[in-house]
Amino acid sequence: MTFTTHGSGCACHPSMTYTPVSRRKLLAGAGALAAASVLPRTAARAQGKPKVIDTHHHFYAPAYQKAWLDWENARKIPHFKTQESWSREKAVEELDQNGVTTGILSLASTPGTWFNLDAAKAGEMARTCNDFGAEMVRDHKGRFGLFATLSMLDIDRTLKEIEYALDALKADGVGLQTNYGDKWLGHAVFKPVFDELNRRNAVVYVHPLVATCCAQPSIGAAPAVIDVPHDTTRTITSLLLSGGLARWRNINWLFSHAGGTMPMMAGRIEAFYARPNGASGAPAFAPEGIMGELRRLNYDTANATSAAAIAALLELVPVSKITYGSDYPYFGLDQMKKLEQLDFDEPDLWAIGGGNACRLIPRLKA
């Protein structure tokens, strides 16, 4: 497979100019990964190491952490040990140990719908988490950014939280879950929220969770293994078919885990919906065509750094639409090492590592 890259302007490298005509052949499959040579980084280090920005970095305000662990205890659900032991001091140490310059904080979304809190209490929890995240950004200058969380259960409260988070806290964007009470993001109830985010040209980061429709798998796999990535595909599809992607052109969308299963499903979605009722031209809900709409979105690499996953993603989007993500603390911050083992040239590697995040969040260039 070969493809032409489209310039990402890797602005986070202090002295490297990105060349948009670079071409290379990505490894065809996971079997080739073992034979791949690690790209040399000597030249990059000599010029000044490029920034690595983790756009998929979870955090836990104490009140949220307690509510989550209590919720799991009540249901006899085992805790993630790495979450249970999380602290902001440890988070900084992990950034340092893995050469990550900045982690963009976002709330982990499972179990979703705020532990069955009512709308008022869910709004209070969102405010608590956003204040805590903003405090981390202030206390550790340059080490963190913030995708502010929104409860989405009460639209008026949510609109007020957008104003507070983006204007008062100066958050870098908002972080949403893929569904709220089995309403995916293309649902009409969320239209006022996305109208406002569109007006603000906001970055909207989206993290999946297991929908209640699919929380009891019958195949022996934990829901996080299969149904979590599928929920990203569900919500992107709902935004596409509802006309949301066409309506909210100013939103900078960023989806987790290489878009879930979207790189595999995009062709099938196009086959069903590209020519509704035999009409010619692009459908009204996808003015750039279905593939064109999906290529406009941004995707992170969290837990999706295998050769096969990256190859599929690069068939869907150019390098300029991919950001580095780790899914910390559930997965390690060292996933750049896996990307280095793929057949990227250095400008593209560091565009993914940090340059593309600088495009989405220009303050990170400093």
Protein backbone atom coordinates (compact mmCIF):
# COMPACT_ATOMS: atom_id res chain seq x y z
CA MET A 1 0.00 0.00 0.00
CA THR A 2 1.28 3.42 -0.86
CA PHE A 3 -0.26 6.80 -0.20
CA THR A 4 0.58 10.48 -0.45
CA THR A 5 0.68 12.43 2.76
CA HIS A 6 -0.98 15.80 3.15
CA GLY A 7 1.03 18.30 5.13
CA SER A 8 0.37 18.42 8.83
CA GLY A 9 2.73 21.29 9.53
CA CYS A 10 4.61 19.55 12.32
CA ALA A 11 4.96 22.77 14.26
CA CYS A 12 5.98 21.13 17.50
CA HIS A 13 9.36 20.19 16.11
CA PRO A 14 11.66 23.12 16.86
CA SER A 15 13.62 22.99 13.62
CA MET A 16 12.04 20.47 11.24
CA THR A 17 9.99 21.52 8.22
CA TYR A 18 7.36 18.99 7.21
CA THR A 19 7.50 17.89 3.57
CA PRO A 20 4.02 17.06 2.30
CA VAL A 21 5.16 15.00 -0.70
CA SER A 22 6.78 12.24 1.36
CA ARG A 23 5.72 8.72 0.39
CA ARG A 24 6.35 5.34 1.90
CA LYS A 25 5.02 1.85 1.98
CA LEU A 26 3.39 0.96 5.28
CA LEU A 27 3.94 -2.55 6.59
CA ALA A 28 1.33 -4.82 5.11
CA GLY A 29 0.58 -6.73 8.27
CA ALA A 30 1.56 -7.58 11.79
CA GLY A 31 3.94 -10.26 10.56
CA ALA A 32 6.10 -7.59 8.97
CA LEU A 33 6.36 -5.67 12.22
CA ALA A 34 8.89 -8.04 13.71
CA ALA A 35 11.20 -7.51 10.77
CA ALA A 36 10.91 -3.72 10.76
CA SER A 37 13.88 -1.70 11.82
CA VAL A 38 13.47 1.02 14.41
CA LEU A 39 13.76 4.45 12.84
CA PRO A 40 16.84 6.34 13.95
CA ARG A 41 16.15 9.29 16.23
CA THR A 42 19.69 10.64 16.51
CA ALA A 43 19.12 13.47 14.04
CA ALA A 44 15.88 14.52 15.73
CA ARG A 45 17.54 14.51 19.14
CA ALA A 46 20.50 16.49 17.84
CA GLN A 47 18.20 19.23 16.57
CA GLY A 48 16.09 19.23 19.71
CA LYS A 49 13.66 16.43 20.48
CA PRO A 50 10.17 16.98 19.04
CA LYS A 51 7.29 17.27 21.44
CA VAL A 52 5.21 14.18 22.13
CA ILE A 53 1.62 15.07 22.98
CA ASP A 54 -0.76 12.45 24.32
CA THR A 55 -4.28 13.42 23.30
CA HIS A 56 -5.86 10.45 25.11
CA HIS A 57 -4.82 10.83 28.75
CA HIS A 58 -7.30 10.10 31.53
CA PHE A 59 -7.55 11.73 34.95
CA TYR A 60 -9.72 11.35 38.03
CA ALA A 61 -10.92 14.08 40.35
CA PRO A 62 -11.08 12.58 43.87
CA ALA A 63 -14.88 12.79 44.02
CA TYR A 64 -15.21 11.11 40.65
CA GLN A 65 -12.68 8.42 41.56
CA LYS A 66 -14.57 7.60 44.76
CA ALA A 67 -17.93 7.51 42.98
CA TRP A 68 -16.56 5.18 40.33
CA LEU A 69 -14.89 2.79 42.76
CA ASP A 70 -18.00 2.77 44.98
CA TRP A 71 -20.13 2.01 41.91
CA GLU A 72 -17.90 -0.93 41.02
CA ASN A 73 -17.80 -2.19 44.61
CA ALA A 74 -21.60 -2.22 44.77
CA ARG A 75 -21.64 -4.45 41.67
CA LYS A 76 -18.64 -6.55 42.64
CA ILE A 77 -16.75 -5.36 39.57
CA PRO A 78 -12.96 -5.66 39.90
CA HIS A 79 -11.09 -2.35 39.78
CA PHE A 80 -8.43 -1.47 37.25
CA LYS A 81 -5.36 -1.42 39.48
CA THR A 82 -3.70 1.30 37.44
CA GLN A 83 -6.76 3.50 37.85
CA GLU A 84 -7.05 2.72 41.55
CA SER A 85 -3.44 3.81 42.14
CA TRP A 86 -3.64 6.91 39.92
CA SER A 87 -2.43 10.24 41.29
CA ARG A 88 -1.50 13.45 39.55
CA GLU A 89 2.03 13.23 40.92
CA LYS A 90 2.40 9.77 39.43
CA ALA A 91 0.94 11.01 36.15
CA VAL A 92 3.71 13.62 35.90
CA GLU A 93 6.35 11.00 36.71
CA GLU A 94 5.01 8.75 33.95
CA LEU A 95 5.14 11.61 31.44
CA ASP A 96 8.79 12.18 32.33
CA GLN A 97 9.74 8.50 32.22
CA ASN A 98 8.23 8.04 28.76
CA GLY A 99 9.38 11.26 27.11
CA VAL A 100 5.87 12.66 26.77
CA THR A 101 5.76 16.45 26.87
CA THR A 102 2.04 17.00 27.46
CA GLY A 103 -0.99 14.89 28.27
CA ILE A 104 -4.41 16.27 27.32
CA LEU A 105 -6.66 15.31 30.22
CA SER A 106 -10.04 13.74 29.61
CA LEU A 107 -12.43 11.90 31.85
CA ALA A 108 -12.71 8.15 31.37
CA SER A 109 -16.29 7.49 30.33
CA THR A 110 -17.23 4.05 31.63
CA PRO A 111 -19.71 3.26 33.20
CA GLY A 112 -21.35 6.27 31.59
CA THR A 113 -24.39 8.37 32.43
CA TRP A 114 -22.56 9.43 35.58
CA PHE A 115 -23.27 6.37 37.74
CA ASN A 116 -27.01 6.91 37.30
CA LEU A 117 -26.83 10.38 38.88
CA ASP A 118 -29.68 12.76 38.16
CA ALA A 119 -29.08 15.69 35.84
CA ALA A 120 -28.34 18.19 38.62
CA LYS A 121 -25.81 15.96 40.39
CA ALA A 122 -24.24 14.95 37.09
CA GLY A 123 -23.76 18.64 36.29
CA GLU A 124 -22.13 19.18 39.68
CA MET A 125 -19.81 16.24 39.06
CA ALA A 126 -18.81 17.65 35.68
CA ARG A 127 -17.96 20.99 37.32
CA THR A 128 -15.91 19.26 40.03
CA CYS A 129 -13.93 17.31 37.44
CA ASN A 130 -13.32 20.32 35.24
CA ASP A 131 -12.10 22.44 38.16
CA PHE A 132 -9.73 19.65 39.19
CA GLY A 133 -8.41 19.22 35.65
CA ALA A 134 -7.88 22.96 35.25
CA GLU A 135 -5.96 22.94 38.53
CA MET A 136 -3.64 20.25 37.15
CA VAL A 137 -3.04 22.38 34.06
CA ARG A 138 -2.18 25.42 36.20
CA ASP A 139 -0.03 23.55 38.73
CA HIS A 140 2.04 21.69 36.13
CA LYS A 141 2.61 24.31 33.46
CA GLY A 142 3.14 22.84 30.03
CA ARG A 143 2.54 19.25 31.14
CA PHE A 144 -1.22 19.03 30.77
CA GLY A 145 -4.10 20.29 28.68
CA LEU A 146 -7.80 19.75 29.32
CA PHE A 147 -10.74 18.41 27.38
CA ALA A 148 -13.53 19.52 29.72
CA THR A 149 -16.26 17.01 30.46
CA LEU A 150 -19.95 17.69 29.86
CA SER A 151 -22.78 15.78 31.52
CA MET A 152 -25.12 16.10 28.48
CA LEU A 153 -28.08 15.01 30.64
CA ASP A 154 -29.55 18.51 30.89
CA ILE A 155 -28.98 20.68 27.83
CA ASP A 156 -29.24 24.05 29.61
CA ARG A 157 -26.74 22.96 32.28
CA THR A 158 -24.47 21.59 29.58
CA LEU A 159 -24.50 24.88 27.68
CA LYS A 160 -23.57 26.74 30.86
CA GLU A 161 -20.72 24.29 31.48
CA ILE A 162 -19.40 24.90 27.96
CA GLU A 163 -19.28 28.62 28.70
CA TYR A 164 -17.57 28.08 32.05
CA ALA A 165 -15.06 25.50 30.80
CA LEU A 166 -14.00 27.29 27.63
CA ASP A 167 -14.21 30.91 28.83
CA ALA A 168 -13.31 30.76 32.52
CA LEU A 169 -11.12 27.66 32.70
CA LYS A 170 -9.66 28.09 29.20
CA ALA A 171 -10.04 24.38 28.46
CA ASP A 172 -8.57 23.17 25.16
CA GLY A 173 -11.83 21.58 24.07
CA VAL A 174 -14.48 19.26 25.42
CA GLY A 175 -14.46 15.52 25.98
CA LEU A 176 -17.62 13.52 25.37
CA GLN A 177 -18.60 9.88 25.56
CA THR A 178 -19.99 8.12 22.51
CA ASN A 179 -23.48 7.75 23.91
CA TYR A 180 -25.64 8.96 26.76
CA GLY A 181 -28.41 6.59 27.78
CA ASP A 182 -28.21 4.86 24.39
CA LYS A 183 -28.53 8.16 22.57
CA TRP A 184 -25.55 8.49 20.24
CA LEU A 185 -24.13 11.89 19.37
CA GLY A 186 -26.17 12.34 16.21
CA HIS A 187 -29.39 12.30 18.24
CA ALA A 188 -31.51 15.44 17.82
CA VAL A 189 -31.56 16.14 21.57
CA PHE A 190 -27.88 17.15 21.44
CA LYS A 191 -28.31 19.65 18.59
CA PRO A 192 -28.13 22.82 20.78
CA VAL A 193 -24.89 21.58 22.36
CA PHE A 194 -23.18 20.96 19.04
CA ASP A 195 -24.55 24.18 17.57
CA GLU A 196 -22.75 26.04 20.36
CA LEU A 197 -19.55 24.01 20.02
CA ASN A 198 -19.66 24.64 16.28
CA ARG A 199 -20.05 28.38 16.87
CA ARG A 200 -16.94 28.25 19.03
CA ASN A 201 -14.87 26.20 16.53
CA ALA A 202 -14.28 23.80 19.41
CA VAL A 203 -12.18 20.66 19.56
CA VAL A 204 -14.54 17.81 20.49
CA TYR A 205 -12.78 14.68 21.70
CA VAL A 206 -14.96 11.55 21.82
CA HIS A 207 -14.26 8.48 23.95
CA PRO A 208 -16.30 5.27 23.72
CA LEU A 209 -18.05 3.32 26.41
CA VAL A 210 -20.16 0.19 26.36
CA ALA A 211 -23.74 1.05 25.50
CA THR A 212 -26.36 -0.44 27.80
CA CYS A 213 -27.74 -2.29 24.80
CA CYS A 214 -24.52 -4.31 24.58
CA ALA A 215 -23.20 -4.59 28.11
CA GLN A 216 -23.85 -8.33 28.51
CA PRO A 217 -21.78 -10.13 25.87
CA SER A 218 -22.39 -13.79 25.23
CA ILE A 219 -19.07 -14.65 23.60
CA GLY A 220 -16.87 -14.70 26.68
CA ALA A 221 -15.04 -11.43 26.04
CA ALA A 222 -15.18 -8.43 28.35
CA PRO A 223 -17.29 -5.59 26.90
CA ALA A 224 -14.23 -3.33 26.67
CA VAL A 225 -12.57 -5.69 24.19
CA ILE A 226 -15.12 -5.57 21.36
CA ASP A 227 -18.10 -3.36 22.18
CA VAL A 228 -16.11 -0.30 23.25
CA PRO A 229 -14.44 0.24 19.85
CA HIS A 230 -17.71 -0.59 18.09
CA ASP A 231 -19.40 2.23 19.98
CA THR A 232 -17.07 4.76 18.38
CA THR A 233 -18.21 3.44 15.00
CA ARG A 234 -21.84 3.74 16.08
CA THR A 235 -21.53 7.36 17.13
CA ILE A 236 -19.57 8.45 14.03
CA THR A 237 -22.21 6.76 11.88
CA SER A 238 -24.99 8.51 13.80
CA LEU A 239 -23.29 11.88 13.26
CA LEU A 240 -22.83 11.09 9.57
CA LEU A 241 -26.33 9.82 8.74
CA SER A 242 -28.13 12.42 10.86
CA GLY A 243 -26.39 15.20 8.95
CA GLY A 244 -24.42 16.29 12.02
CA LEU A 245 -21.05 16.17 10.29
CA ALA A 246 -22.47 18.27 7.47
CA ARG A 247 -24.10 20.78 9.84
CA TRP A 248 -21.21 21.27 12.29
CA ARG A 249 -18.36 21.99 9.90
CA ASN A 250 -16.42 24.12 12.39
CA ILE A 251 -16.08 21.42 15.03
CA ASN A 252 -12.67 19.72 15.09
CA TRP A 253 -13.62 16.14 15.90
CA LEU A 254 -11.12 13.73 17.49
CA PHE A 255 -12.15 10.08 17.90
CA SER A 256 -10.44 7.46 20.04
CA HIS A 257 -8.71 4.18 19.20
CA ALA A 258 -8.19 4.84 15.46
CA GLY A 259 -11.92 5.33 15.04
CA GLY A 260 -12.82 1.99 16.58
CA THR A 261 -13.92 -0.25 13.72
CA MET A 262 -14.63 2.64 11.32
CA PRO A 263 -11.59 2.00 9.07
CA MET A 264 -12.98 -1.49 8.42
CA MET A 265 -16.63 -0.43 8.16
CA ALA A 266 -16.30 2.75 6.08
CA GLY A 267 -16.55 0.96 2.75
CA ARG A 268 -19.63 -0.96 3.86
CA ILE A 269 -21.31 2.24 5.08
CA GLU A 270 -20.51 3.88 1.77
CA ALA A 271 -21.92 0.92 -0.16
CA PHE A 272 -25.28 1.24 1.62
CA TYR A 273 -25.65 5.02 1.75
CA ALA A 274 -23.55 6.73 -0.95
CA ARG A 275 -26.40 6.72 -3.48
CA PRO A 276 -29.67 6.83 -1.52
CA ASN A 277 -32.59 5.63 -3.63
CA GLY A 278 -30.36 5.54 -6.69
CA ALA A 279 -29.78 9.32 -6.71
CA SER A 280 -26.66 10.69 -8.35
CA GLY A 281 -24.05 12.82 -6.63
CA ALA A 282 -23.18 13.00 -2.95
CA PRO A 283 -26.01 12.56 -0.45
CA ALA A 284 -27.18 15.71 1.35
CA PHE A 285 -25.90 14.44 4.70
CA ALA A 286 -22.40 13.98 3.24
CA PRO A 287 -21.59 16.92 0.94
CA GLU A 288 -18.02 15.69 0.41
CA GLY A 289 -19.16 12.11 -0.07
CA ILE A 290 -19.14 9.55 2.72
CA MET A 291 -15.43 8.85 2.49
CA GLY A 292 -14.73 12.57 2.28
CA GLU A 293 -16.69 13.21 5.47
CA LEU A 294 -14.85 10.47 7.34
CA ARG A 295 -11.50 11.81 6.11
CA ARG A 296 -12.27 15.21 7.62
CA LEU A 297 -12.24 13.73 11.14
CA ASN A 298 -9.23 13.22 13.41
CA TYR A 299 -8.35 9.92 15.07
CA ASP A 300 -5.93 8.98 17.85
CA THR A 301 -3.71 5.90 18.06
CA ALA A 302 -4.53 4.77 21.61
CA ASN A 303 -4.26 0.98 21.82
CA ALA A 304 -4.32 0.88 18.02
CA THR A 305 -0.62 0.88 17.14
CA SER A 306 -0.39 -2.54 15.51
CA ALA A 307 0.72 -2.61 11.89
CA ALA A 308 -2.70 -3.84 10.74
CA ALA A 309 -4.63 -1.16 12.66
CA ILE A 310 -2.42 1.69 11.43
CA ALA A 311 -2.50 0.38 7.85
CA ALA A 312 -6.31 0.34 7.91
CA LEU A 313 -6.47 3.84 9.40
CA LEU A 314 -4.06 5.22 6.78
CA GLU A 315 -6.26 3.83 4.02
CA LEU A 316 -9.03 6.05 5.44
CA VAL A 317 -7.19 9.26 6.39
CA PRO A 318 -3.88 11.03 5.74
CA VAL A 319 -1.17 11.27 8.38
CA SER A 320 -2.25 14.84 9.14
CA LYS A 321 -5.48 13.52 10.72
CA ILE A 322 -3.81 11.20 13.25
CA THR A 323 -2.71 12.11 16.78
CA TYR A 324 -0.77 10.10 19.31
CA GLY A 325 -2.85 8.70 22.17
CA SER A 326 -2.05 6.30 24.98
CA ASP A 327 -5.26 5.61 26.99
CA TYR A 328 -3.22 6.15 30.17
CA PRO A 329 -3.48 4.74 32.83
CA TYR A 330 -5.18 1.69 31.28
CA PHE A 331 -2.35 1.34 28.78
CA GLY A 332 1.21 2.60 28.94
CA LEU A 333 2.57 5.92 27.79
CA ASP A 334 5.28 4.16 25.77
CA GLN A 335 3.21 3.52 22.64
CA MET A 336 5.31 5.92 20.55
CA LYS A 337 7.89 3.12 20.55
CA LYS A 338 5.43 0.93 18.67
CA LEU A 339 4.82 3.65 16.11
CA GLU A 340 8.58 4.05 15.66
CA GLN A 341 8.75 0.40 14.58
CA LEU A 342 6.45 1.05 11.63
CA ASP A 343 7.64 2.31 8.26
CA PHE A 344 7.04 6.01 8.85
CA ASP A 345 9.55 8.62 7.80
CA GLU A 346 10.52 10.96 10.60
CA PRO A 347 8.41 13.99 9.61
CA ASP A 348 5.28 11.84 9.59
CA LEU A 349 6.23 10.07 12.81
CA TRP A 350 6.60 13.36 14.66
CA ALA A 351 3.52 14.84 13.03
CA ILE A 352 1.57 12.01 14.66
CA GLY A 353 3.62 12.30 17.85
CA GLY A 354 2.85 15.97 18.41
CA GLY A 355 2.60 18.18 15.34
CA ASN A 356 -0.99 17.32 14.50
CA ALA A 357 -2.04 17.97 18.09
CA CYS A 358 -0.46 21.43 17.77
CA ARG A 359 -2.66 22.06 14.76
CA LEU A 360 -5.77 21.20 16.77
CA ILE A 361 -4.59 23.09 19.87
CA PRO A 362 -2.31 25.91 18.67
CA ARG A 363 -1.24 26.98 22.20
CA LEU A 364 0.76 23.74 22.43
CA LYS A 365 3.23 25.11 19.87
CA ALA A 366 4.77 27.31 22.58
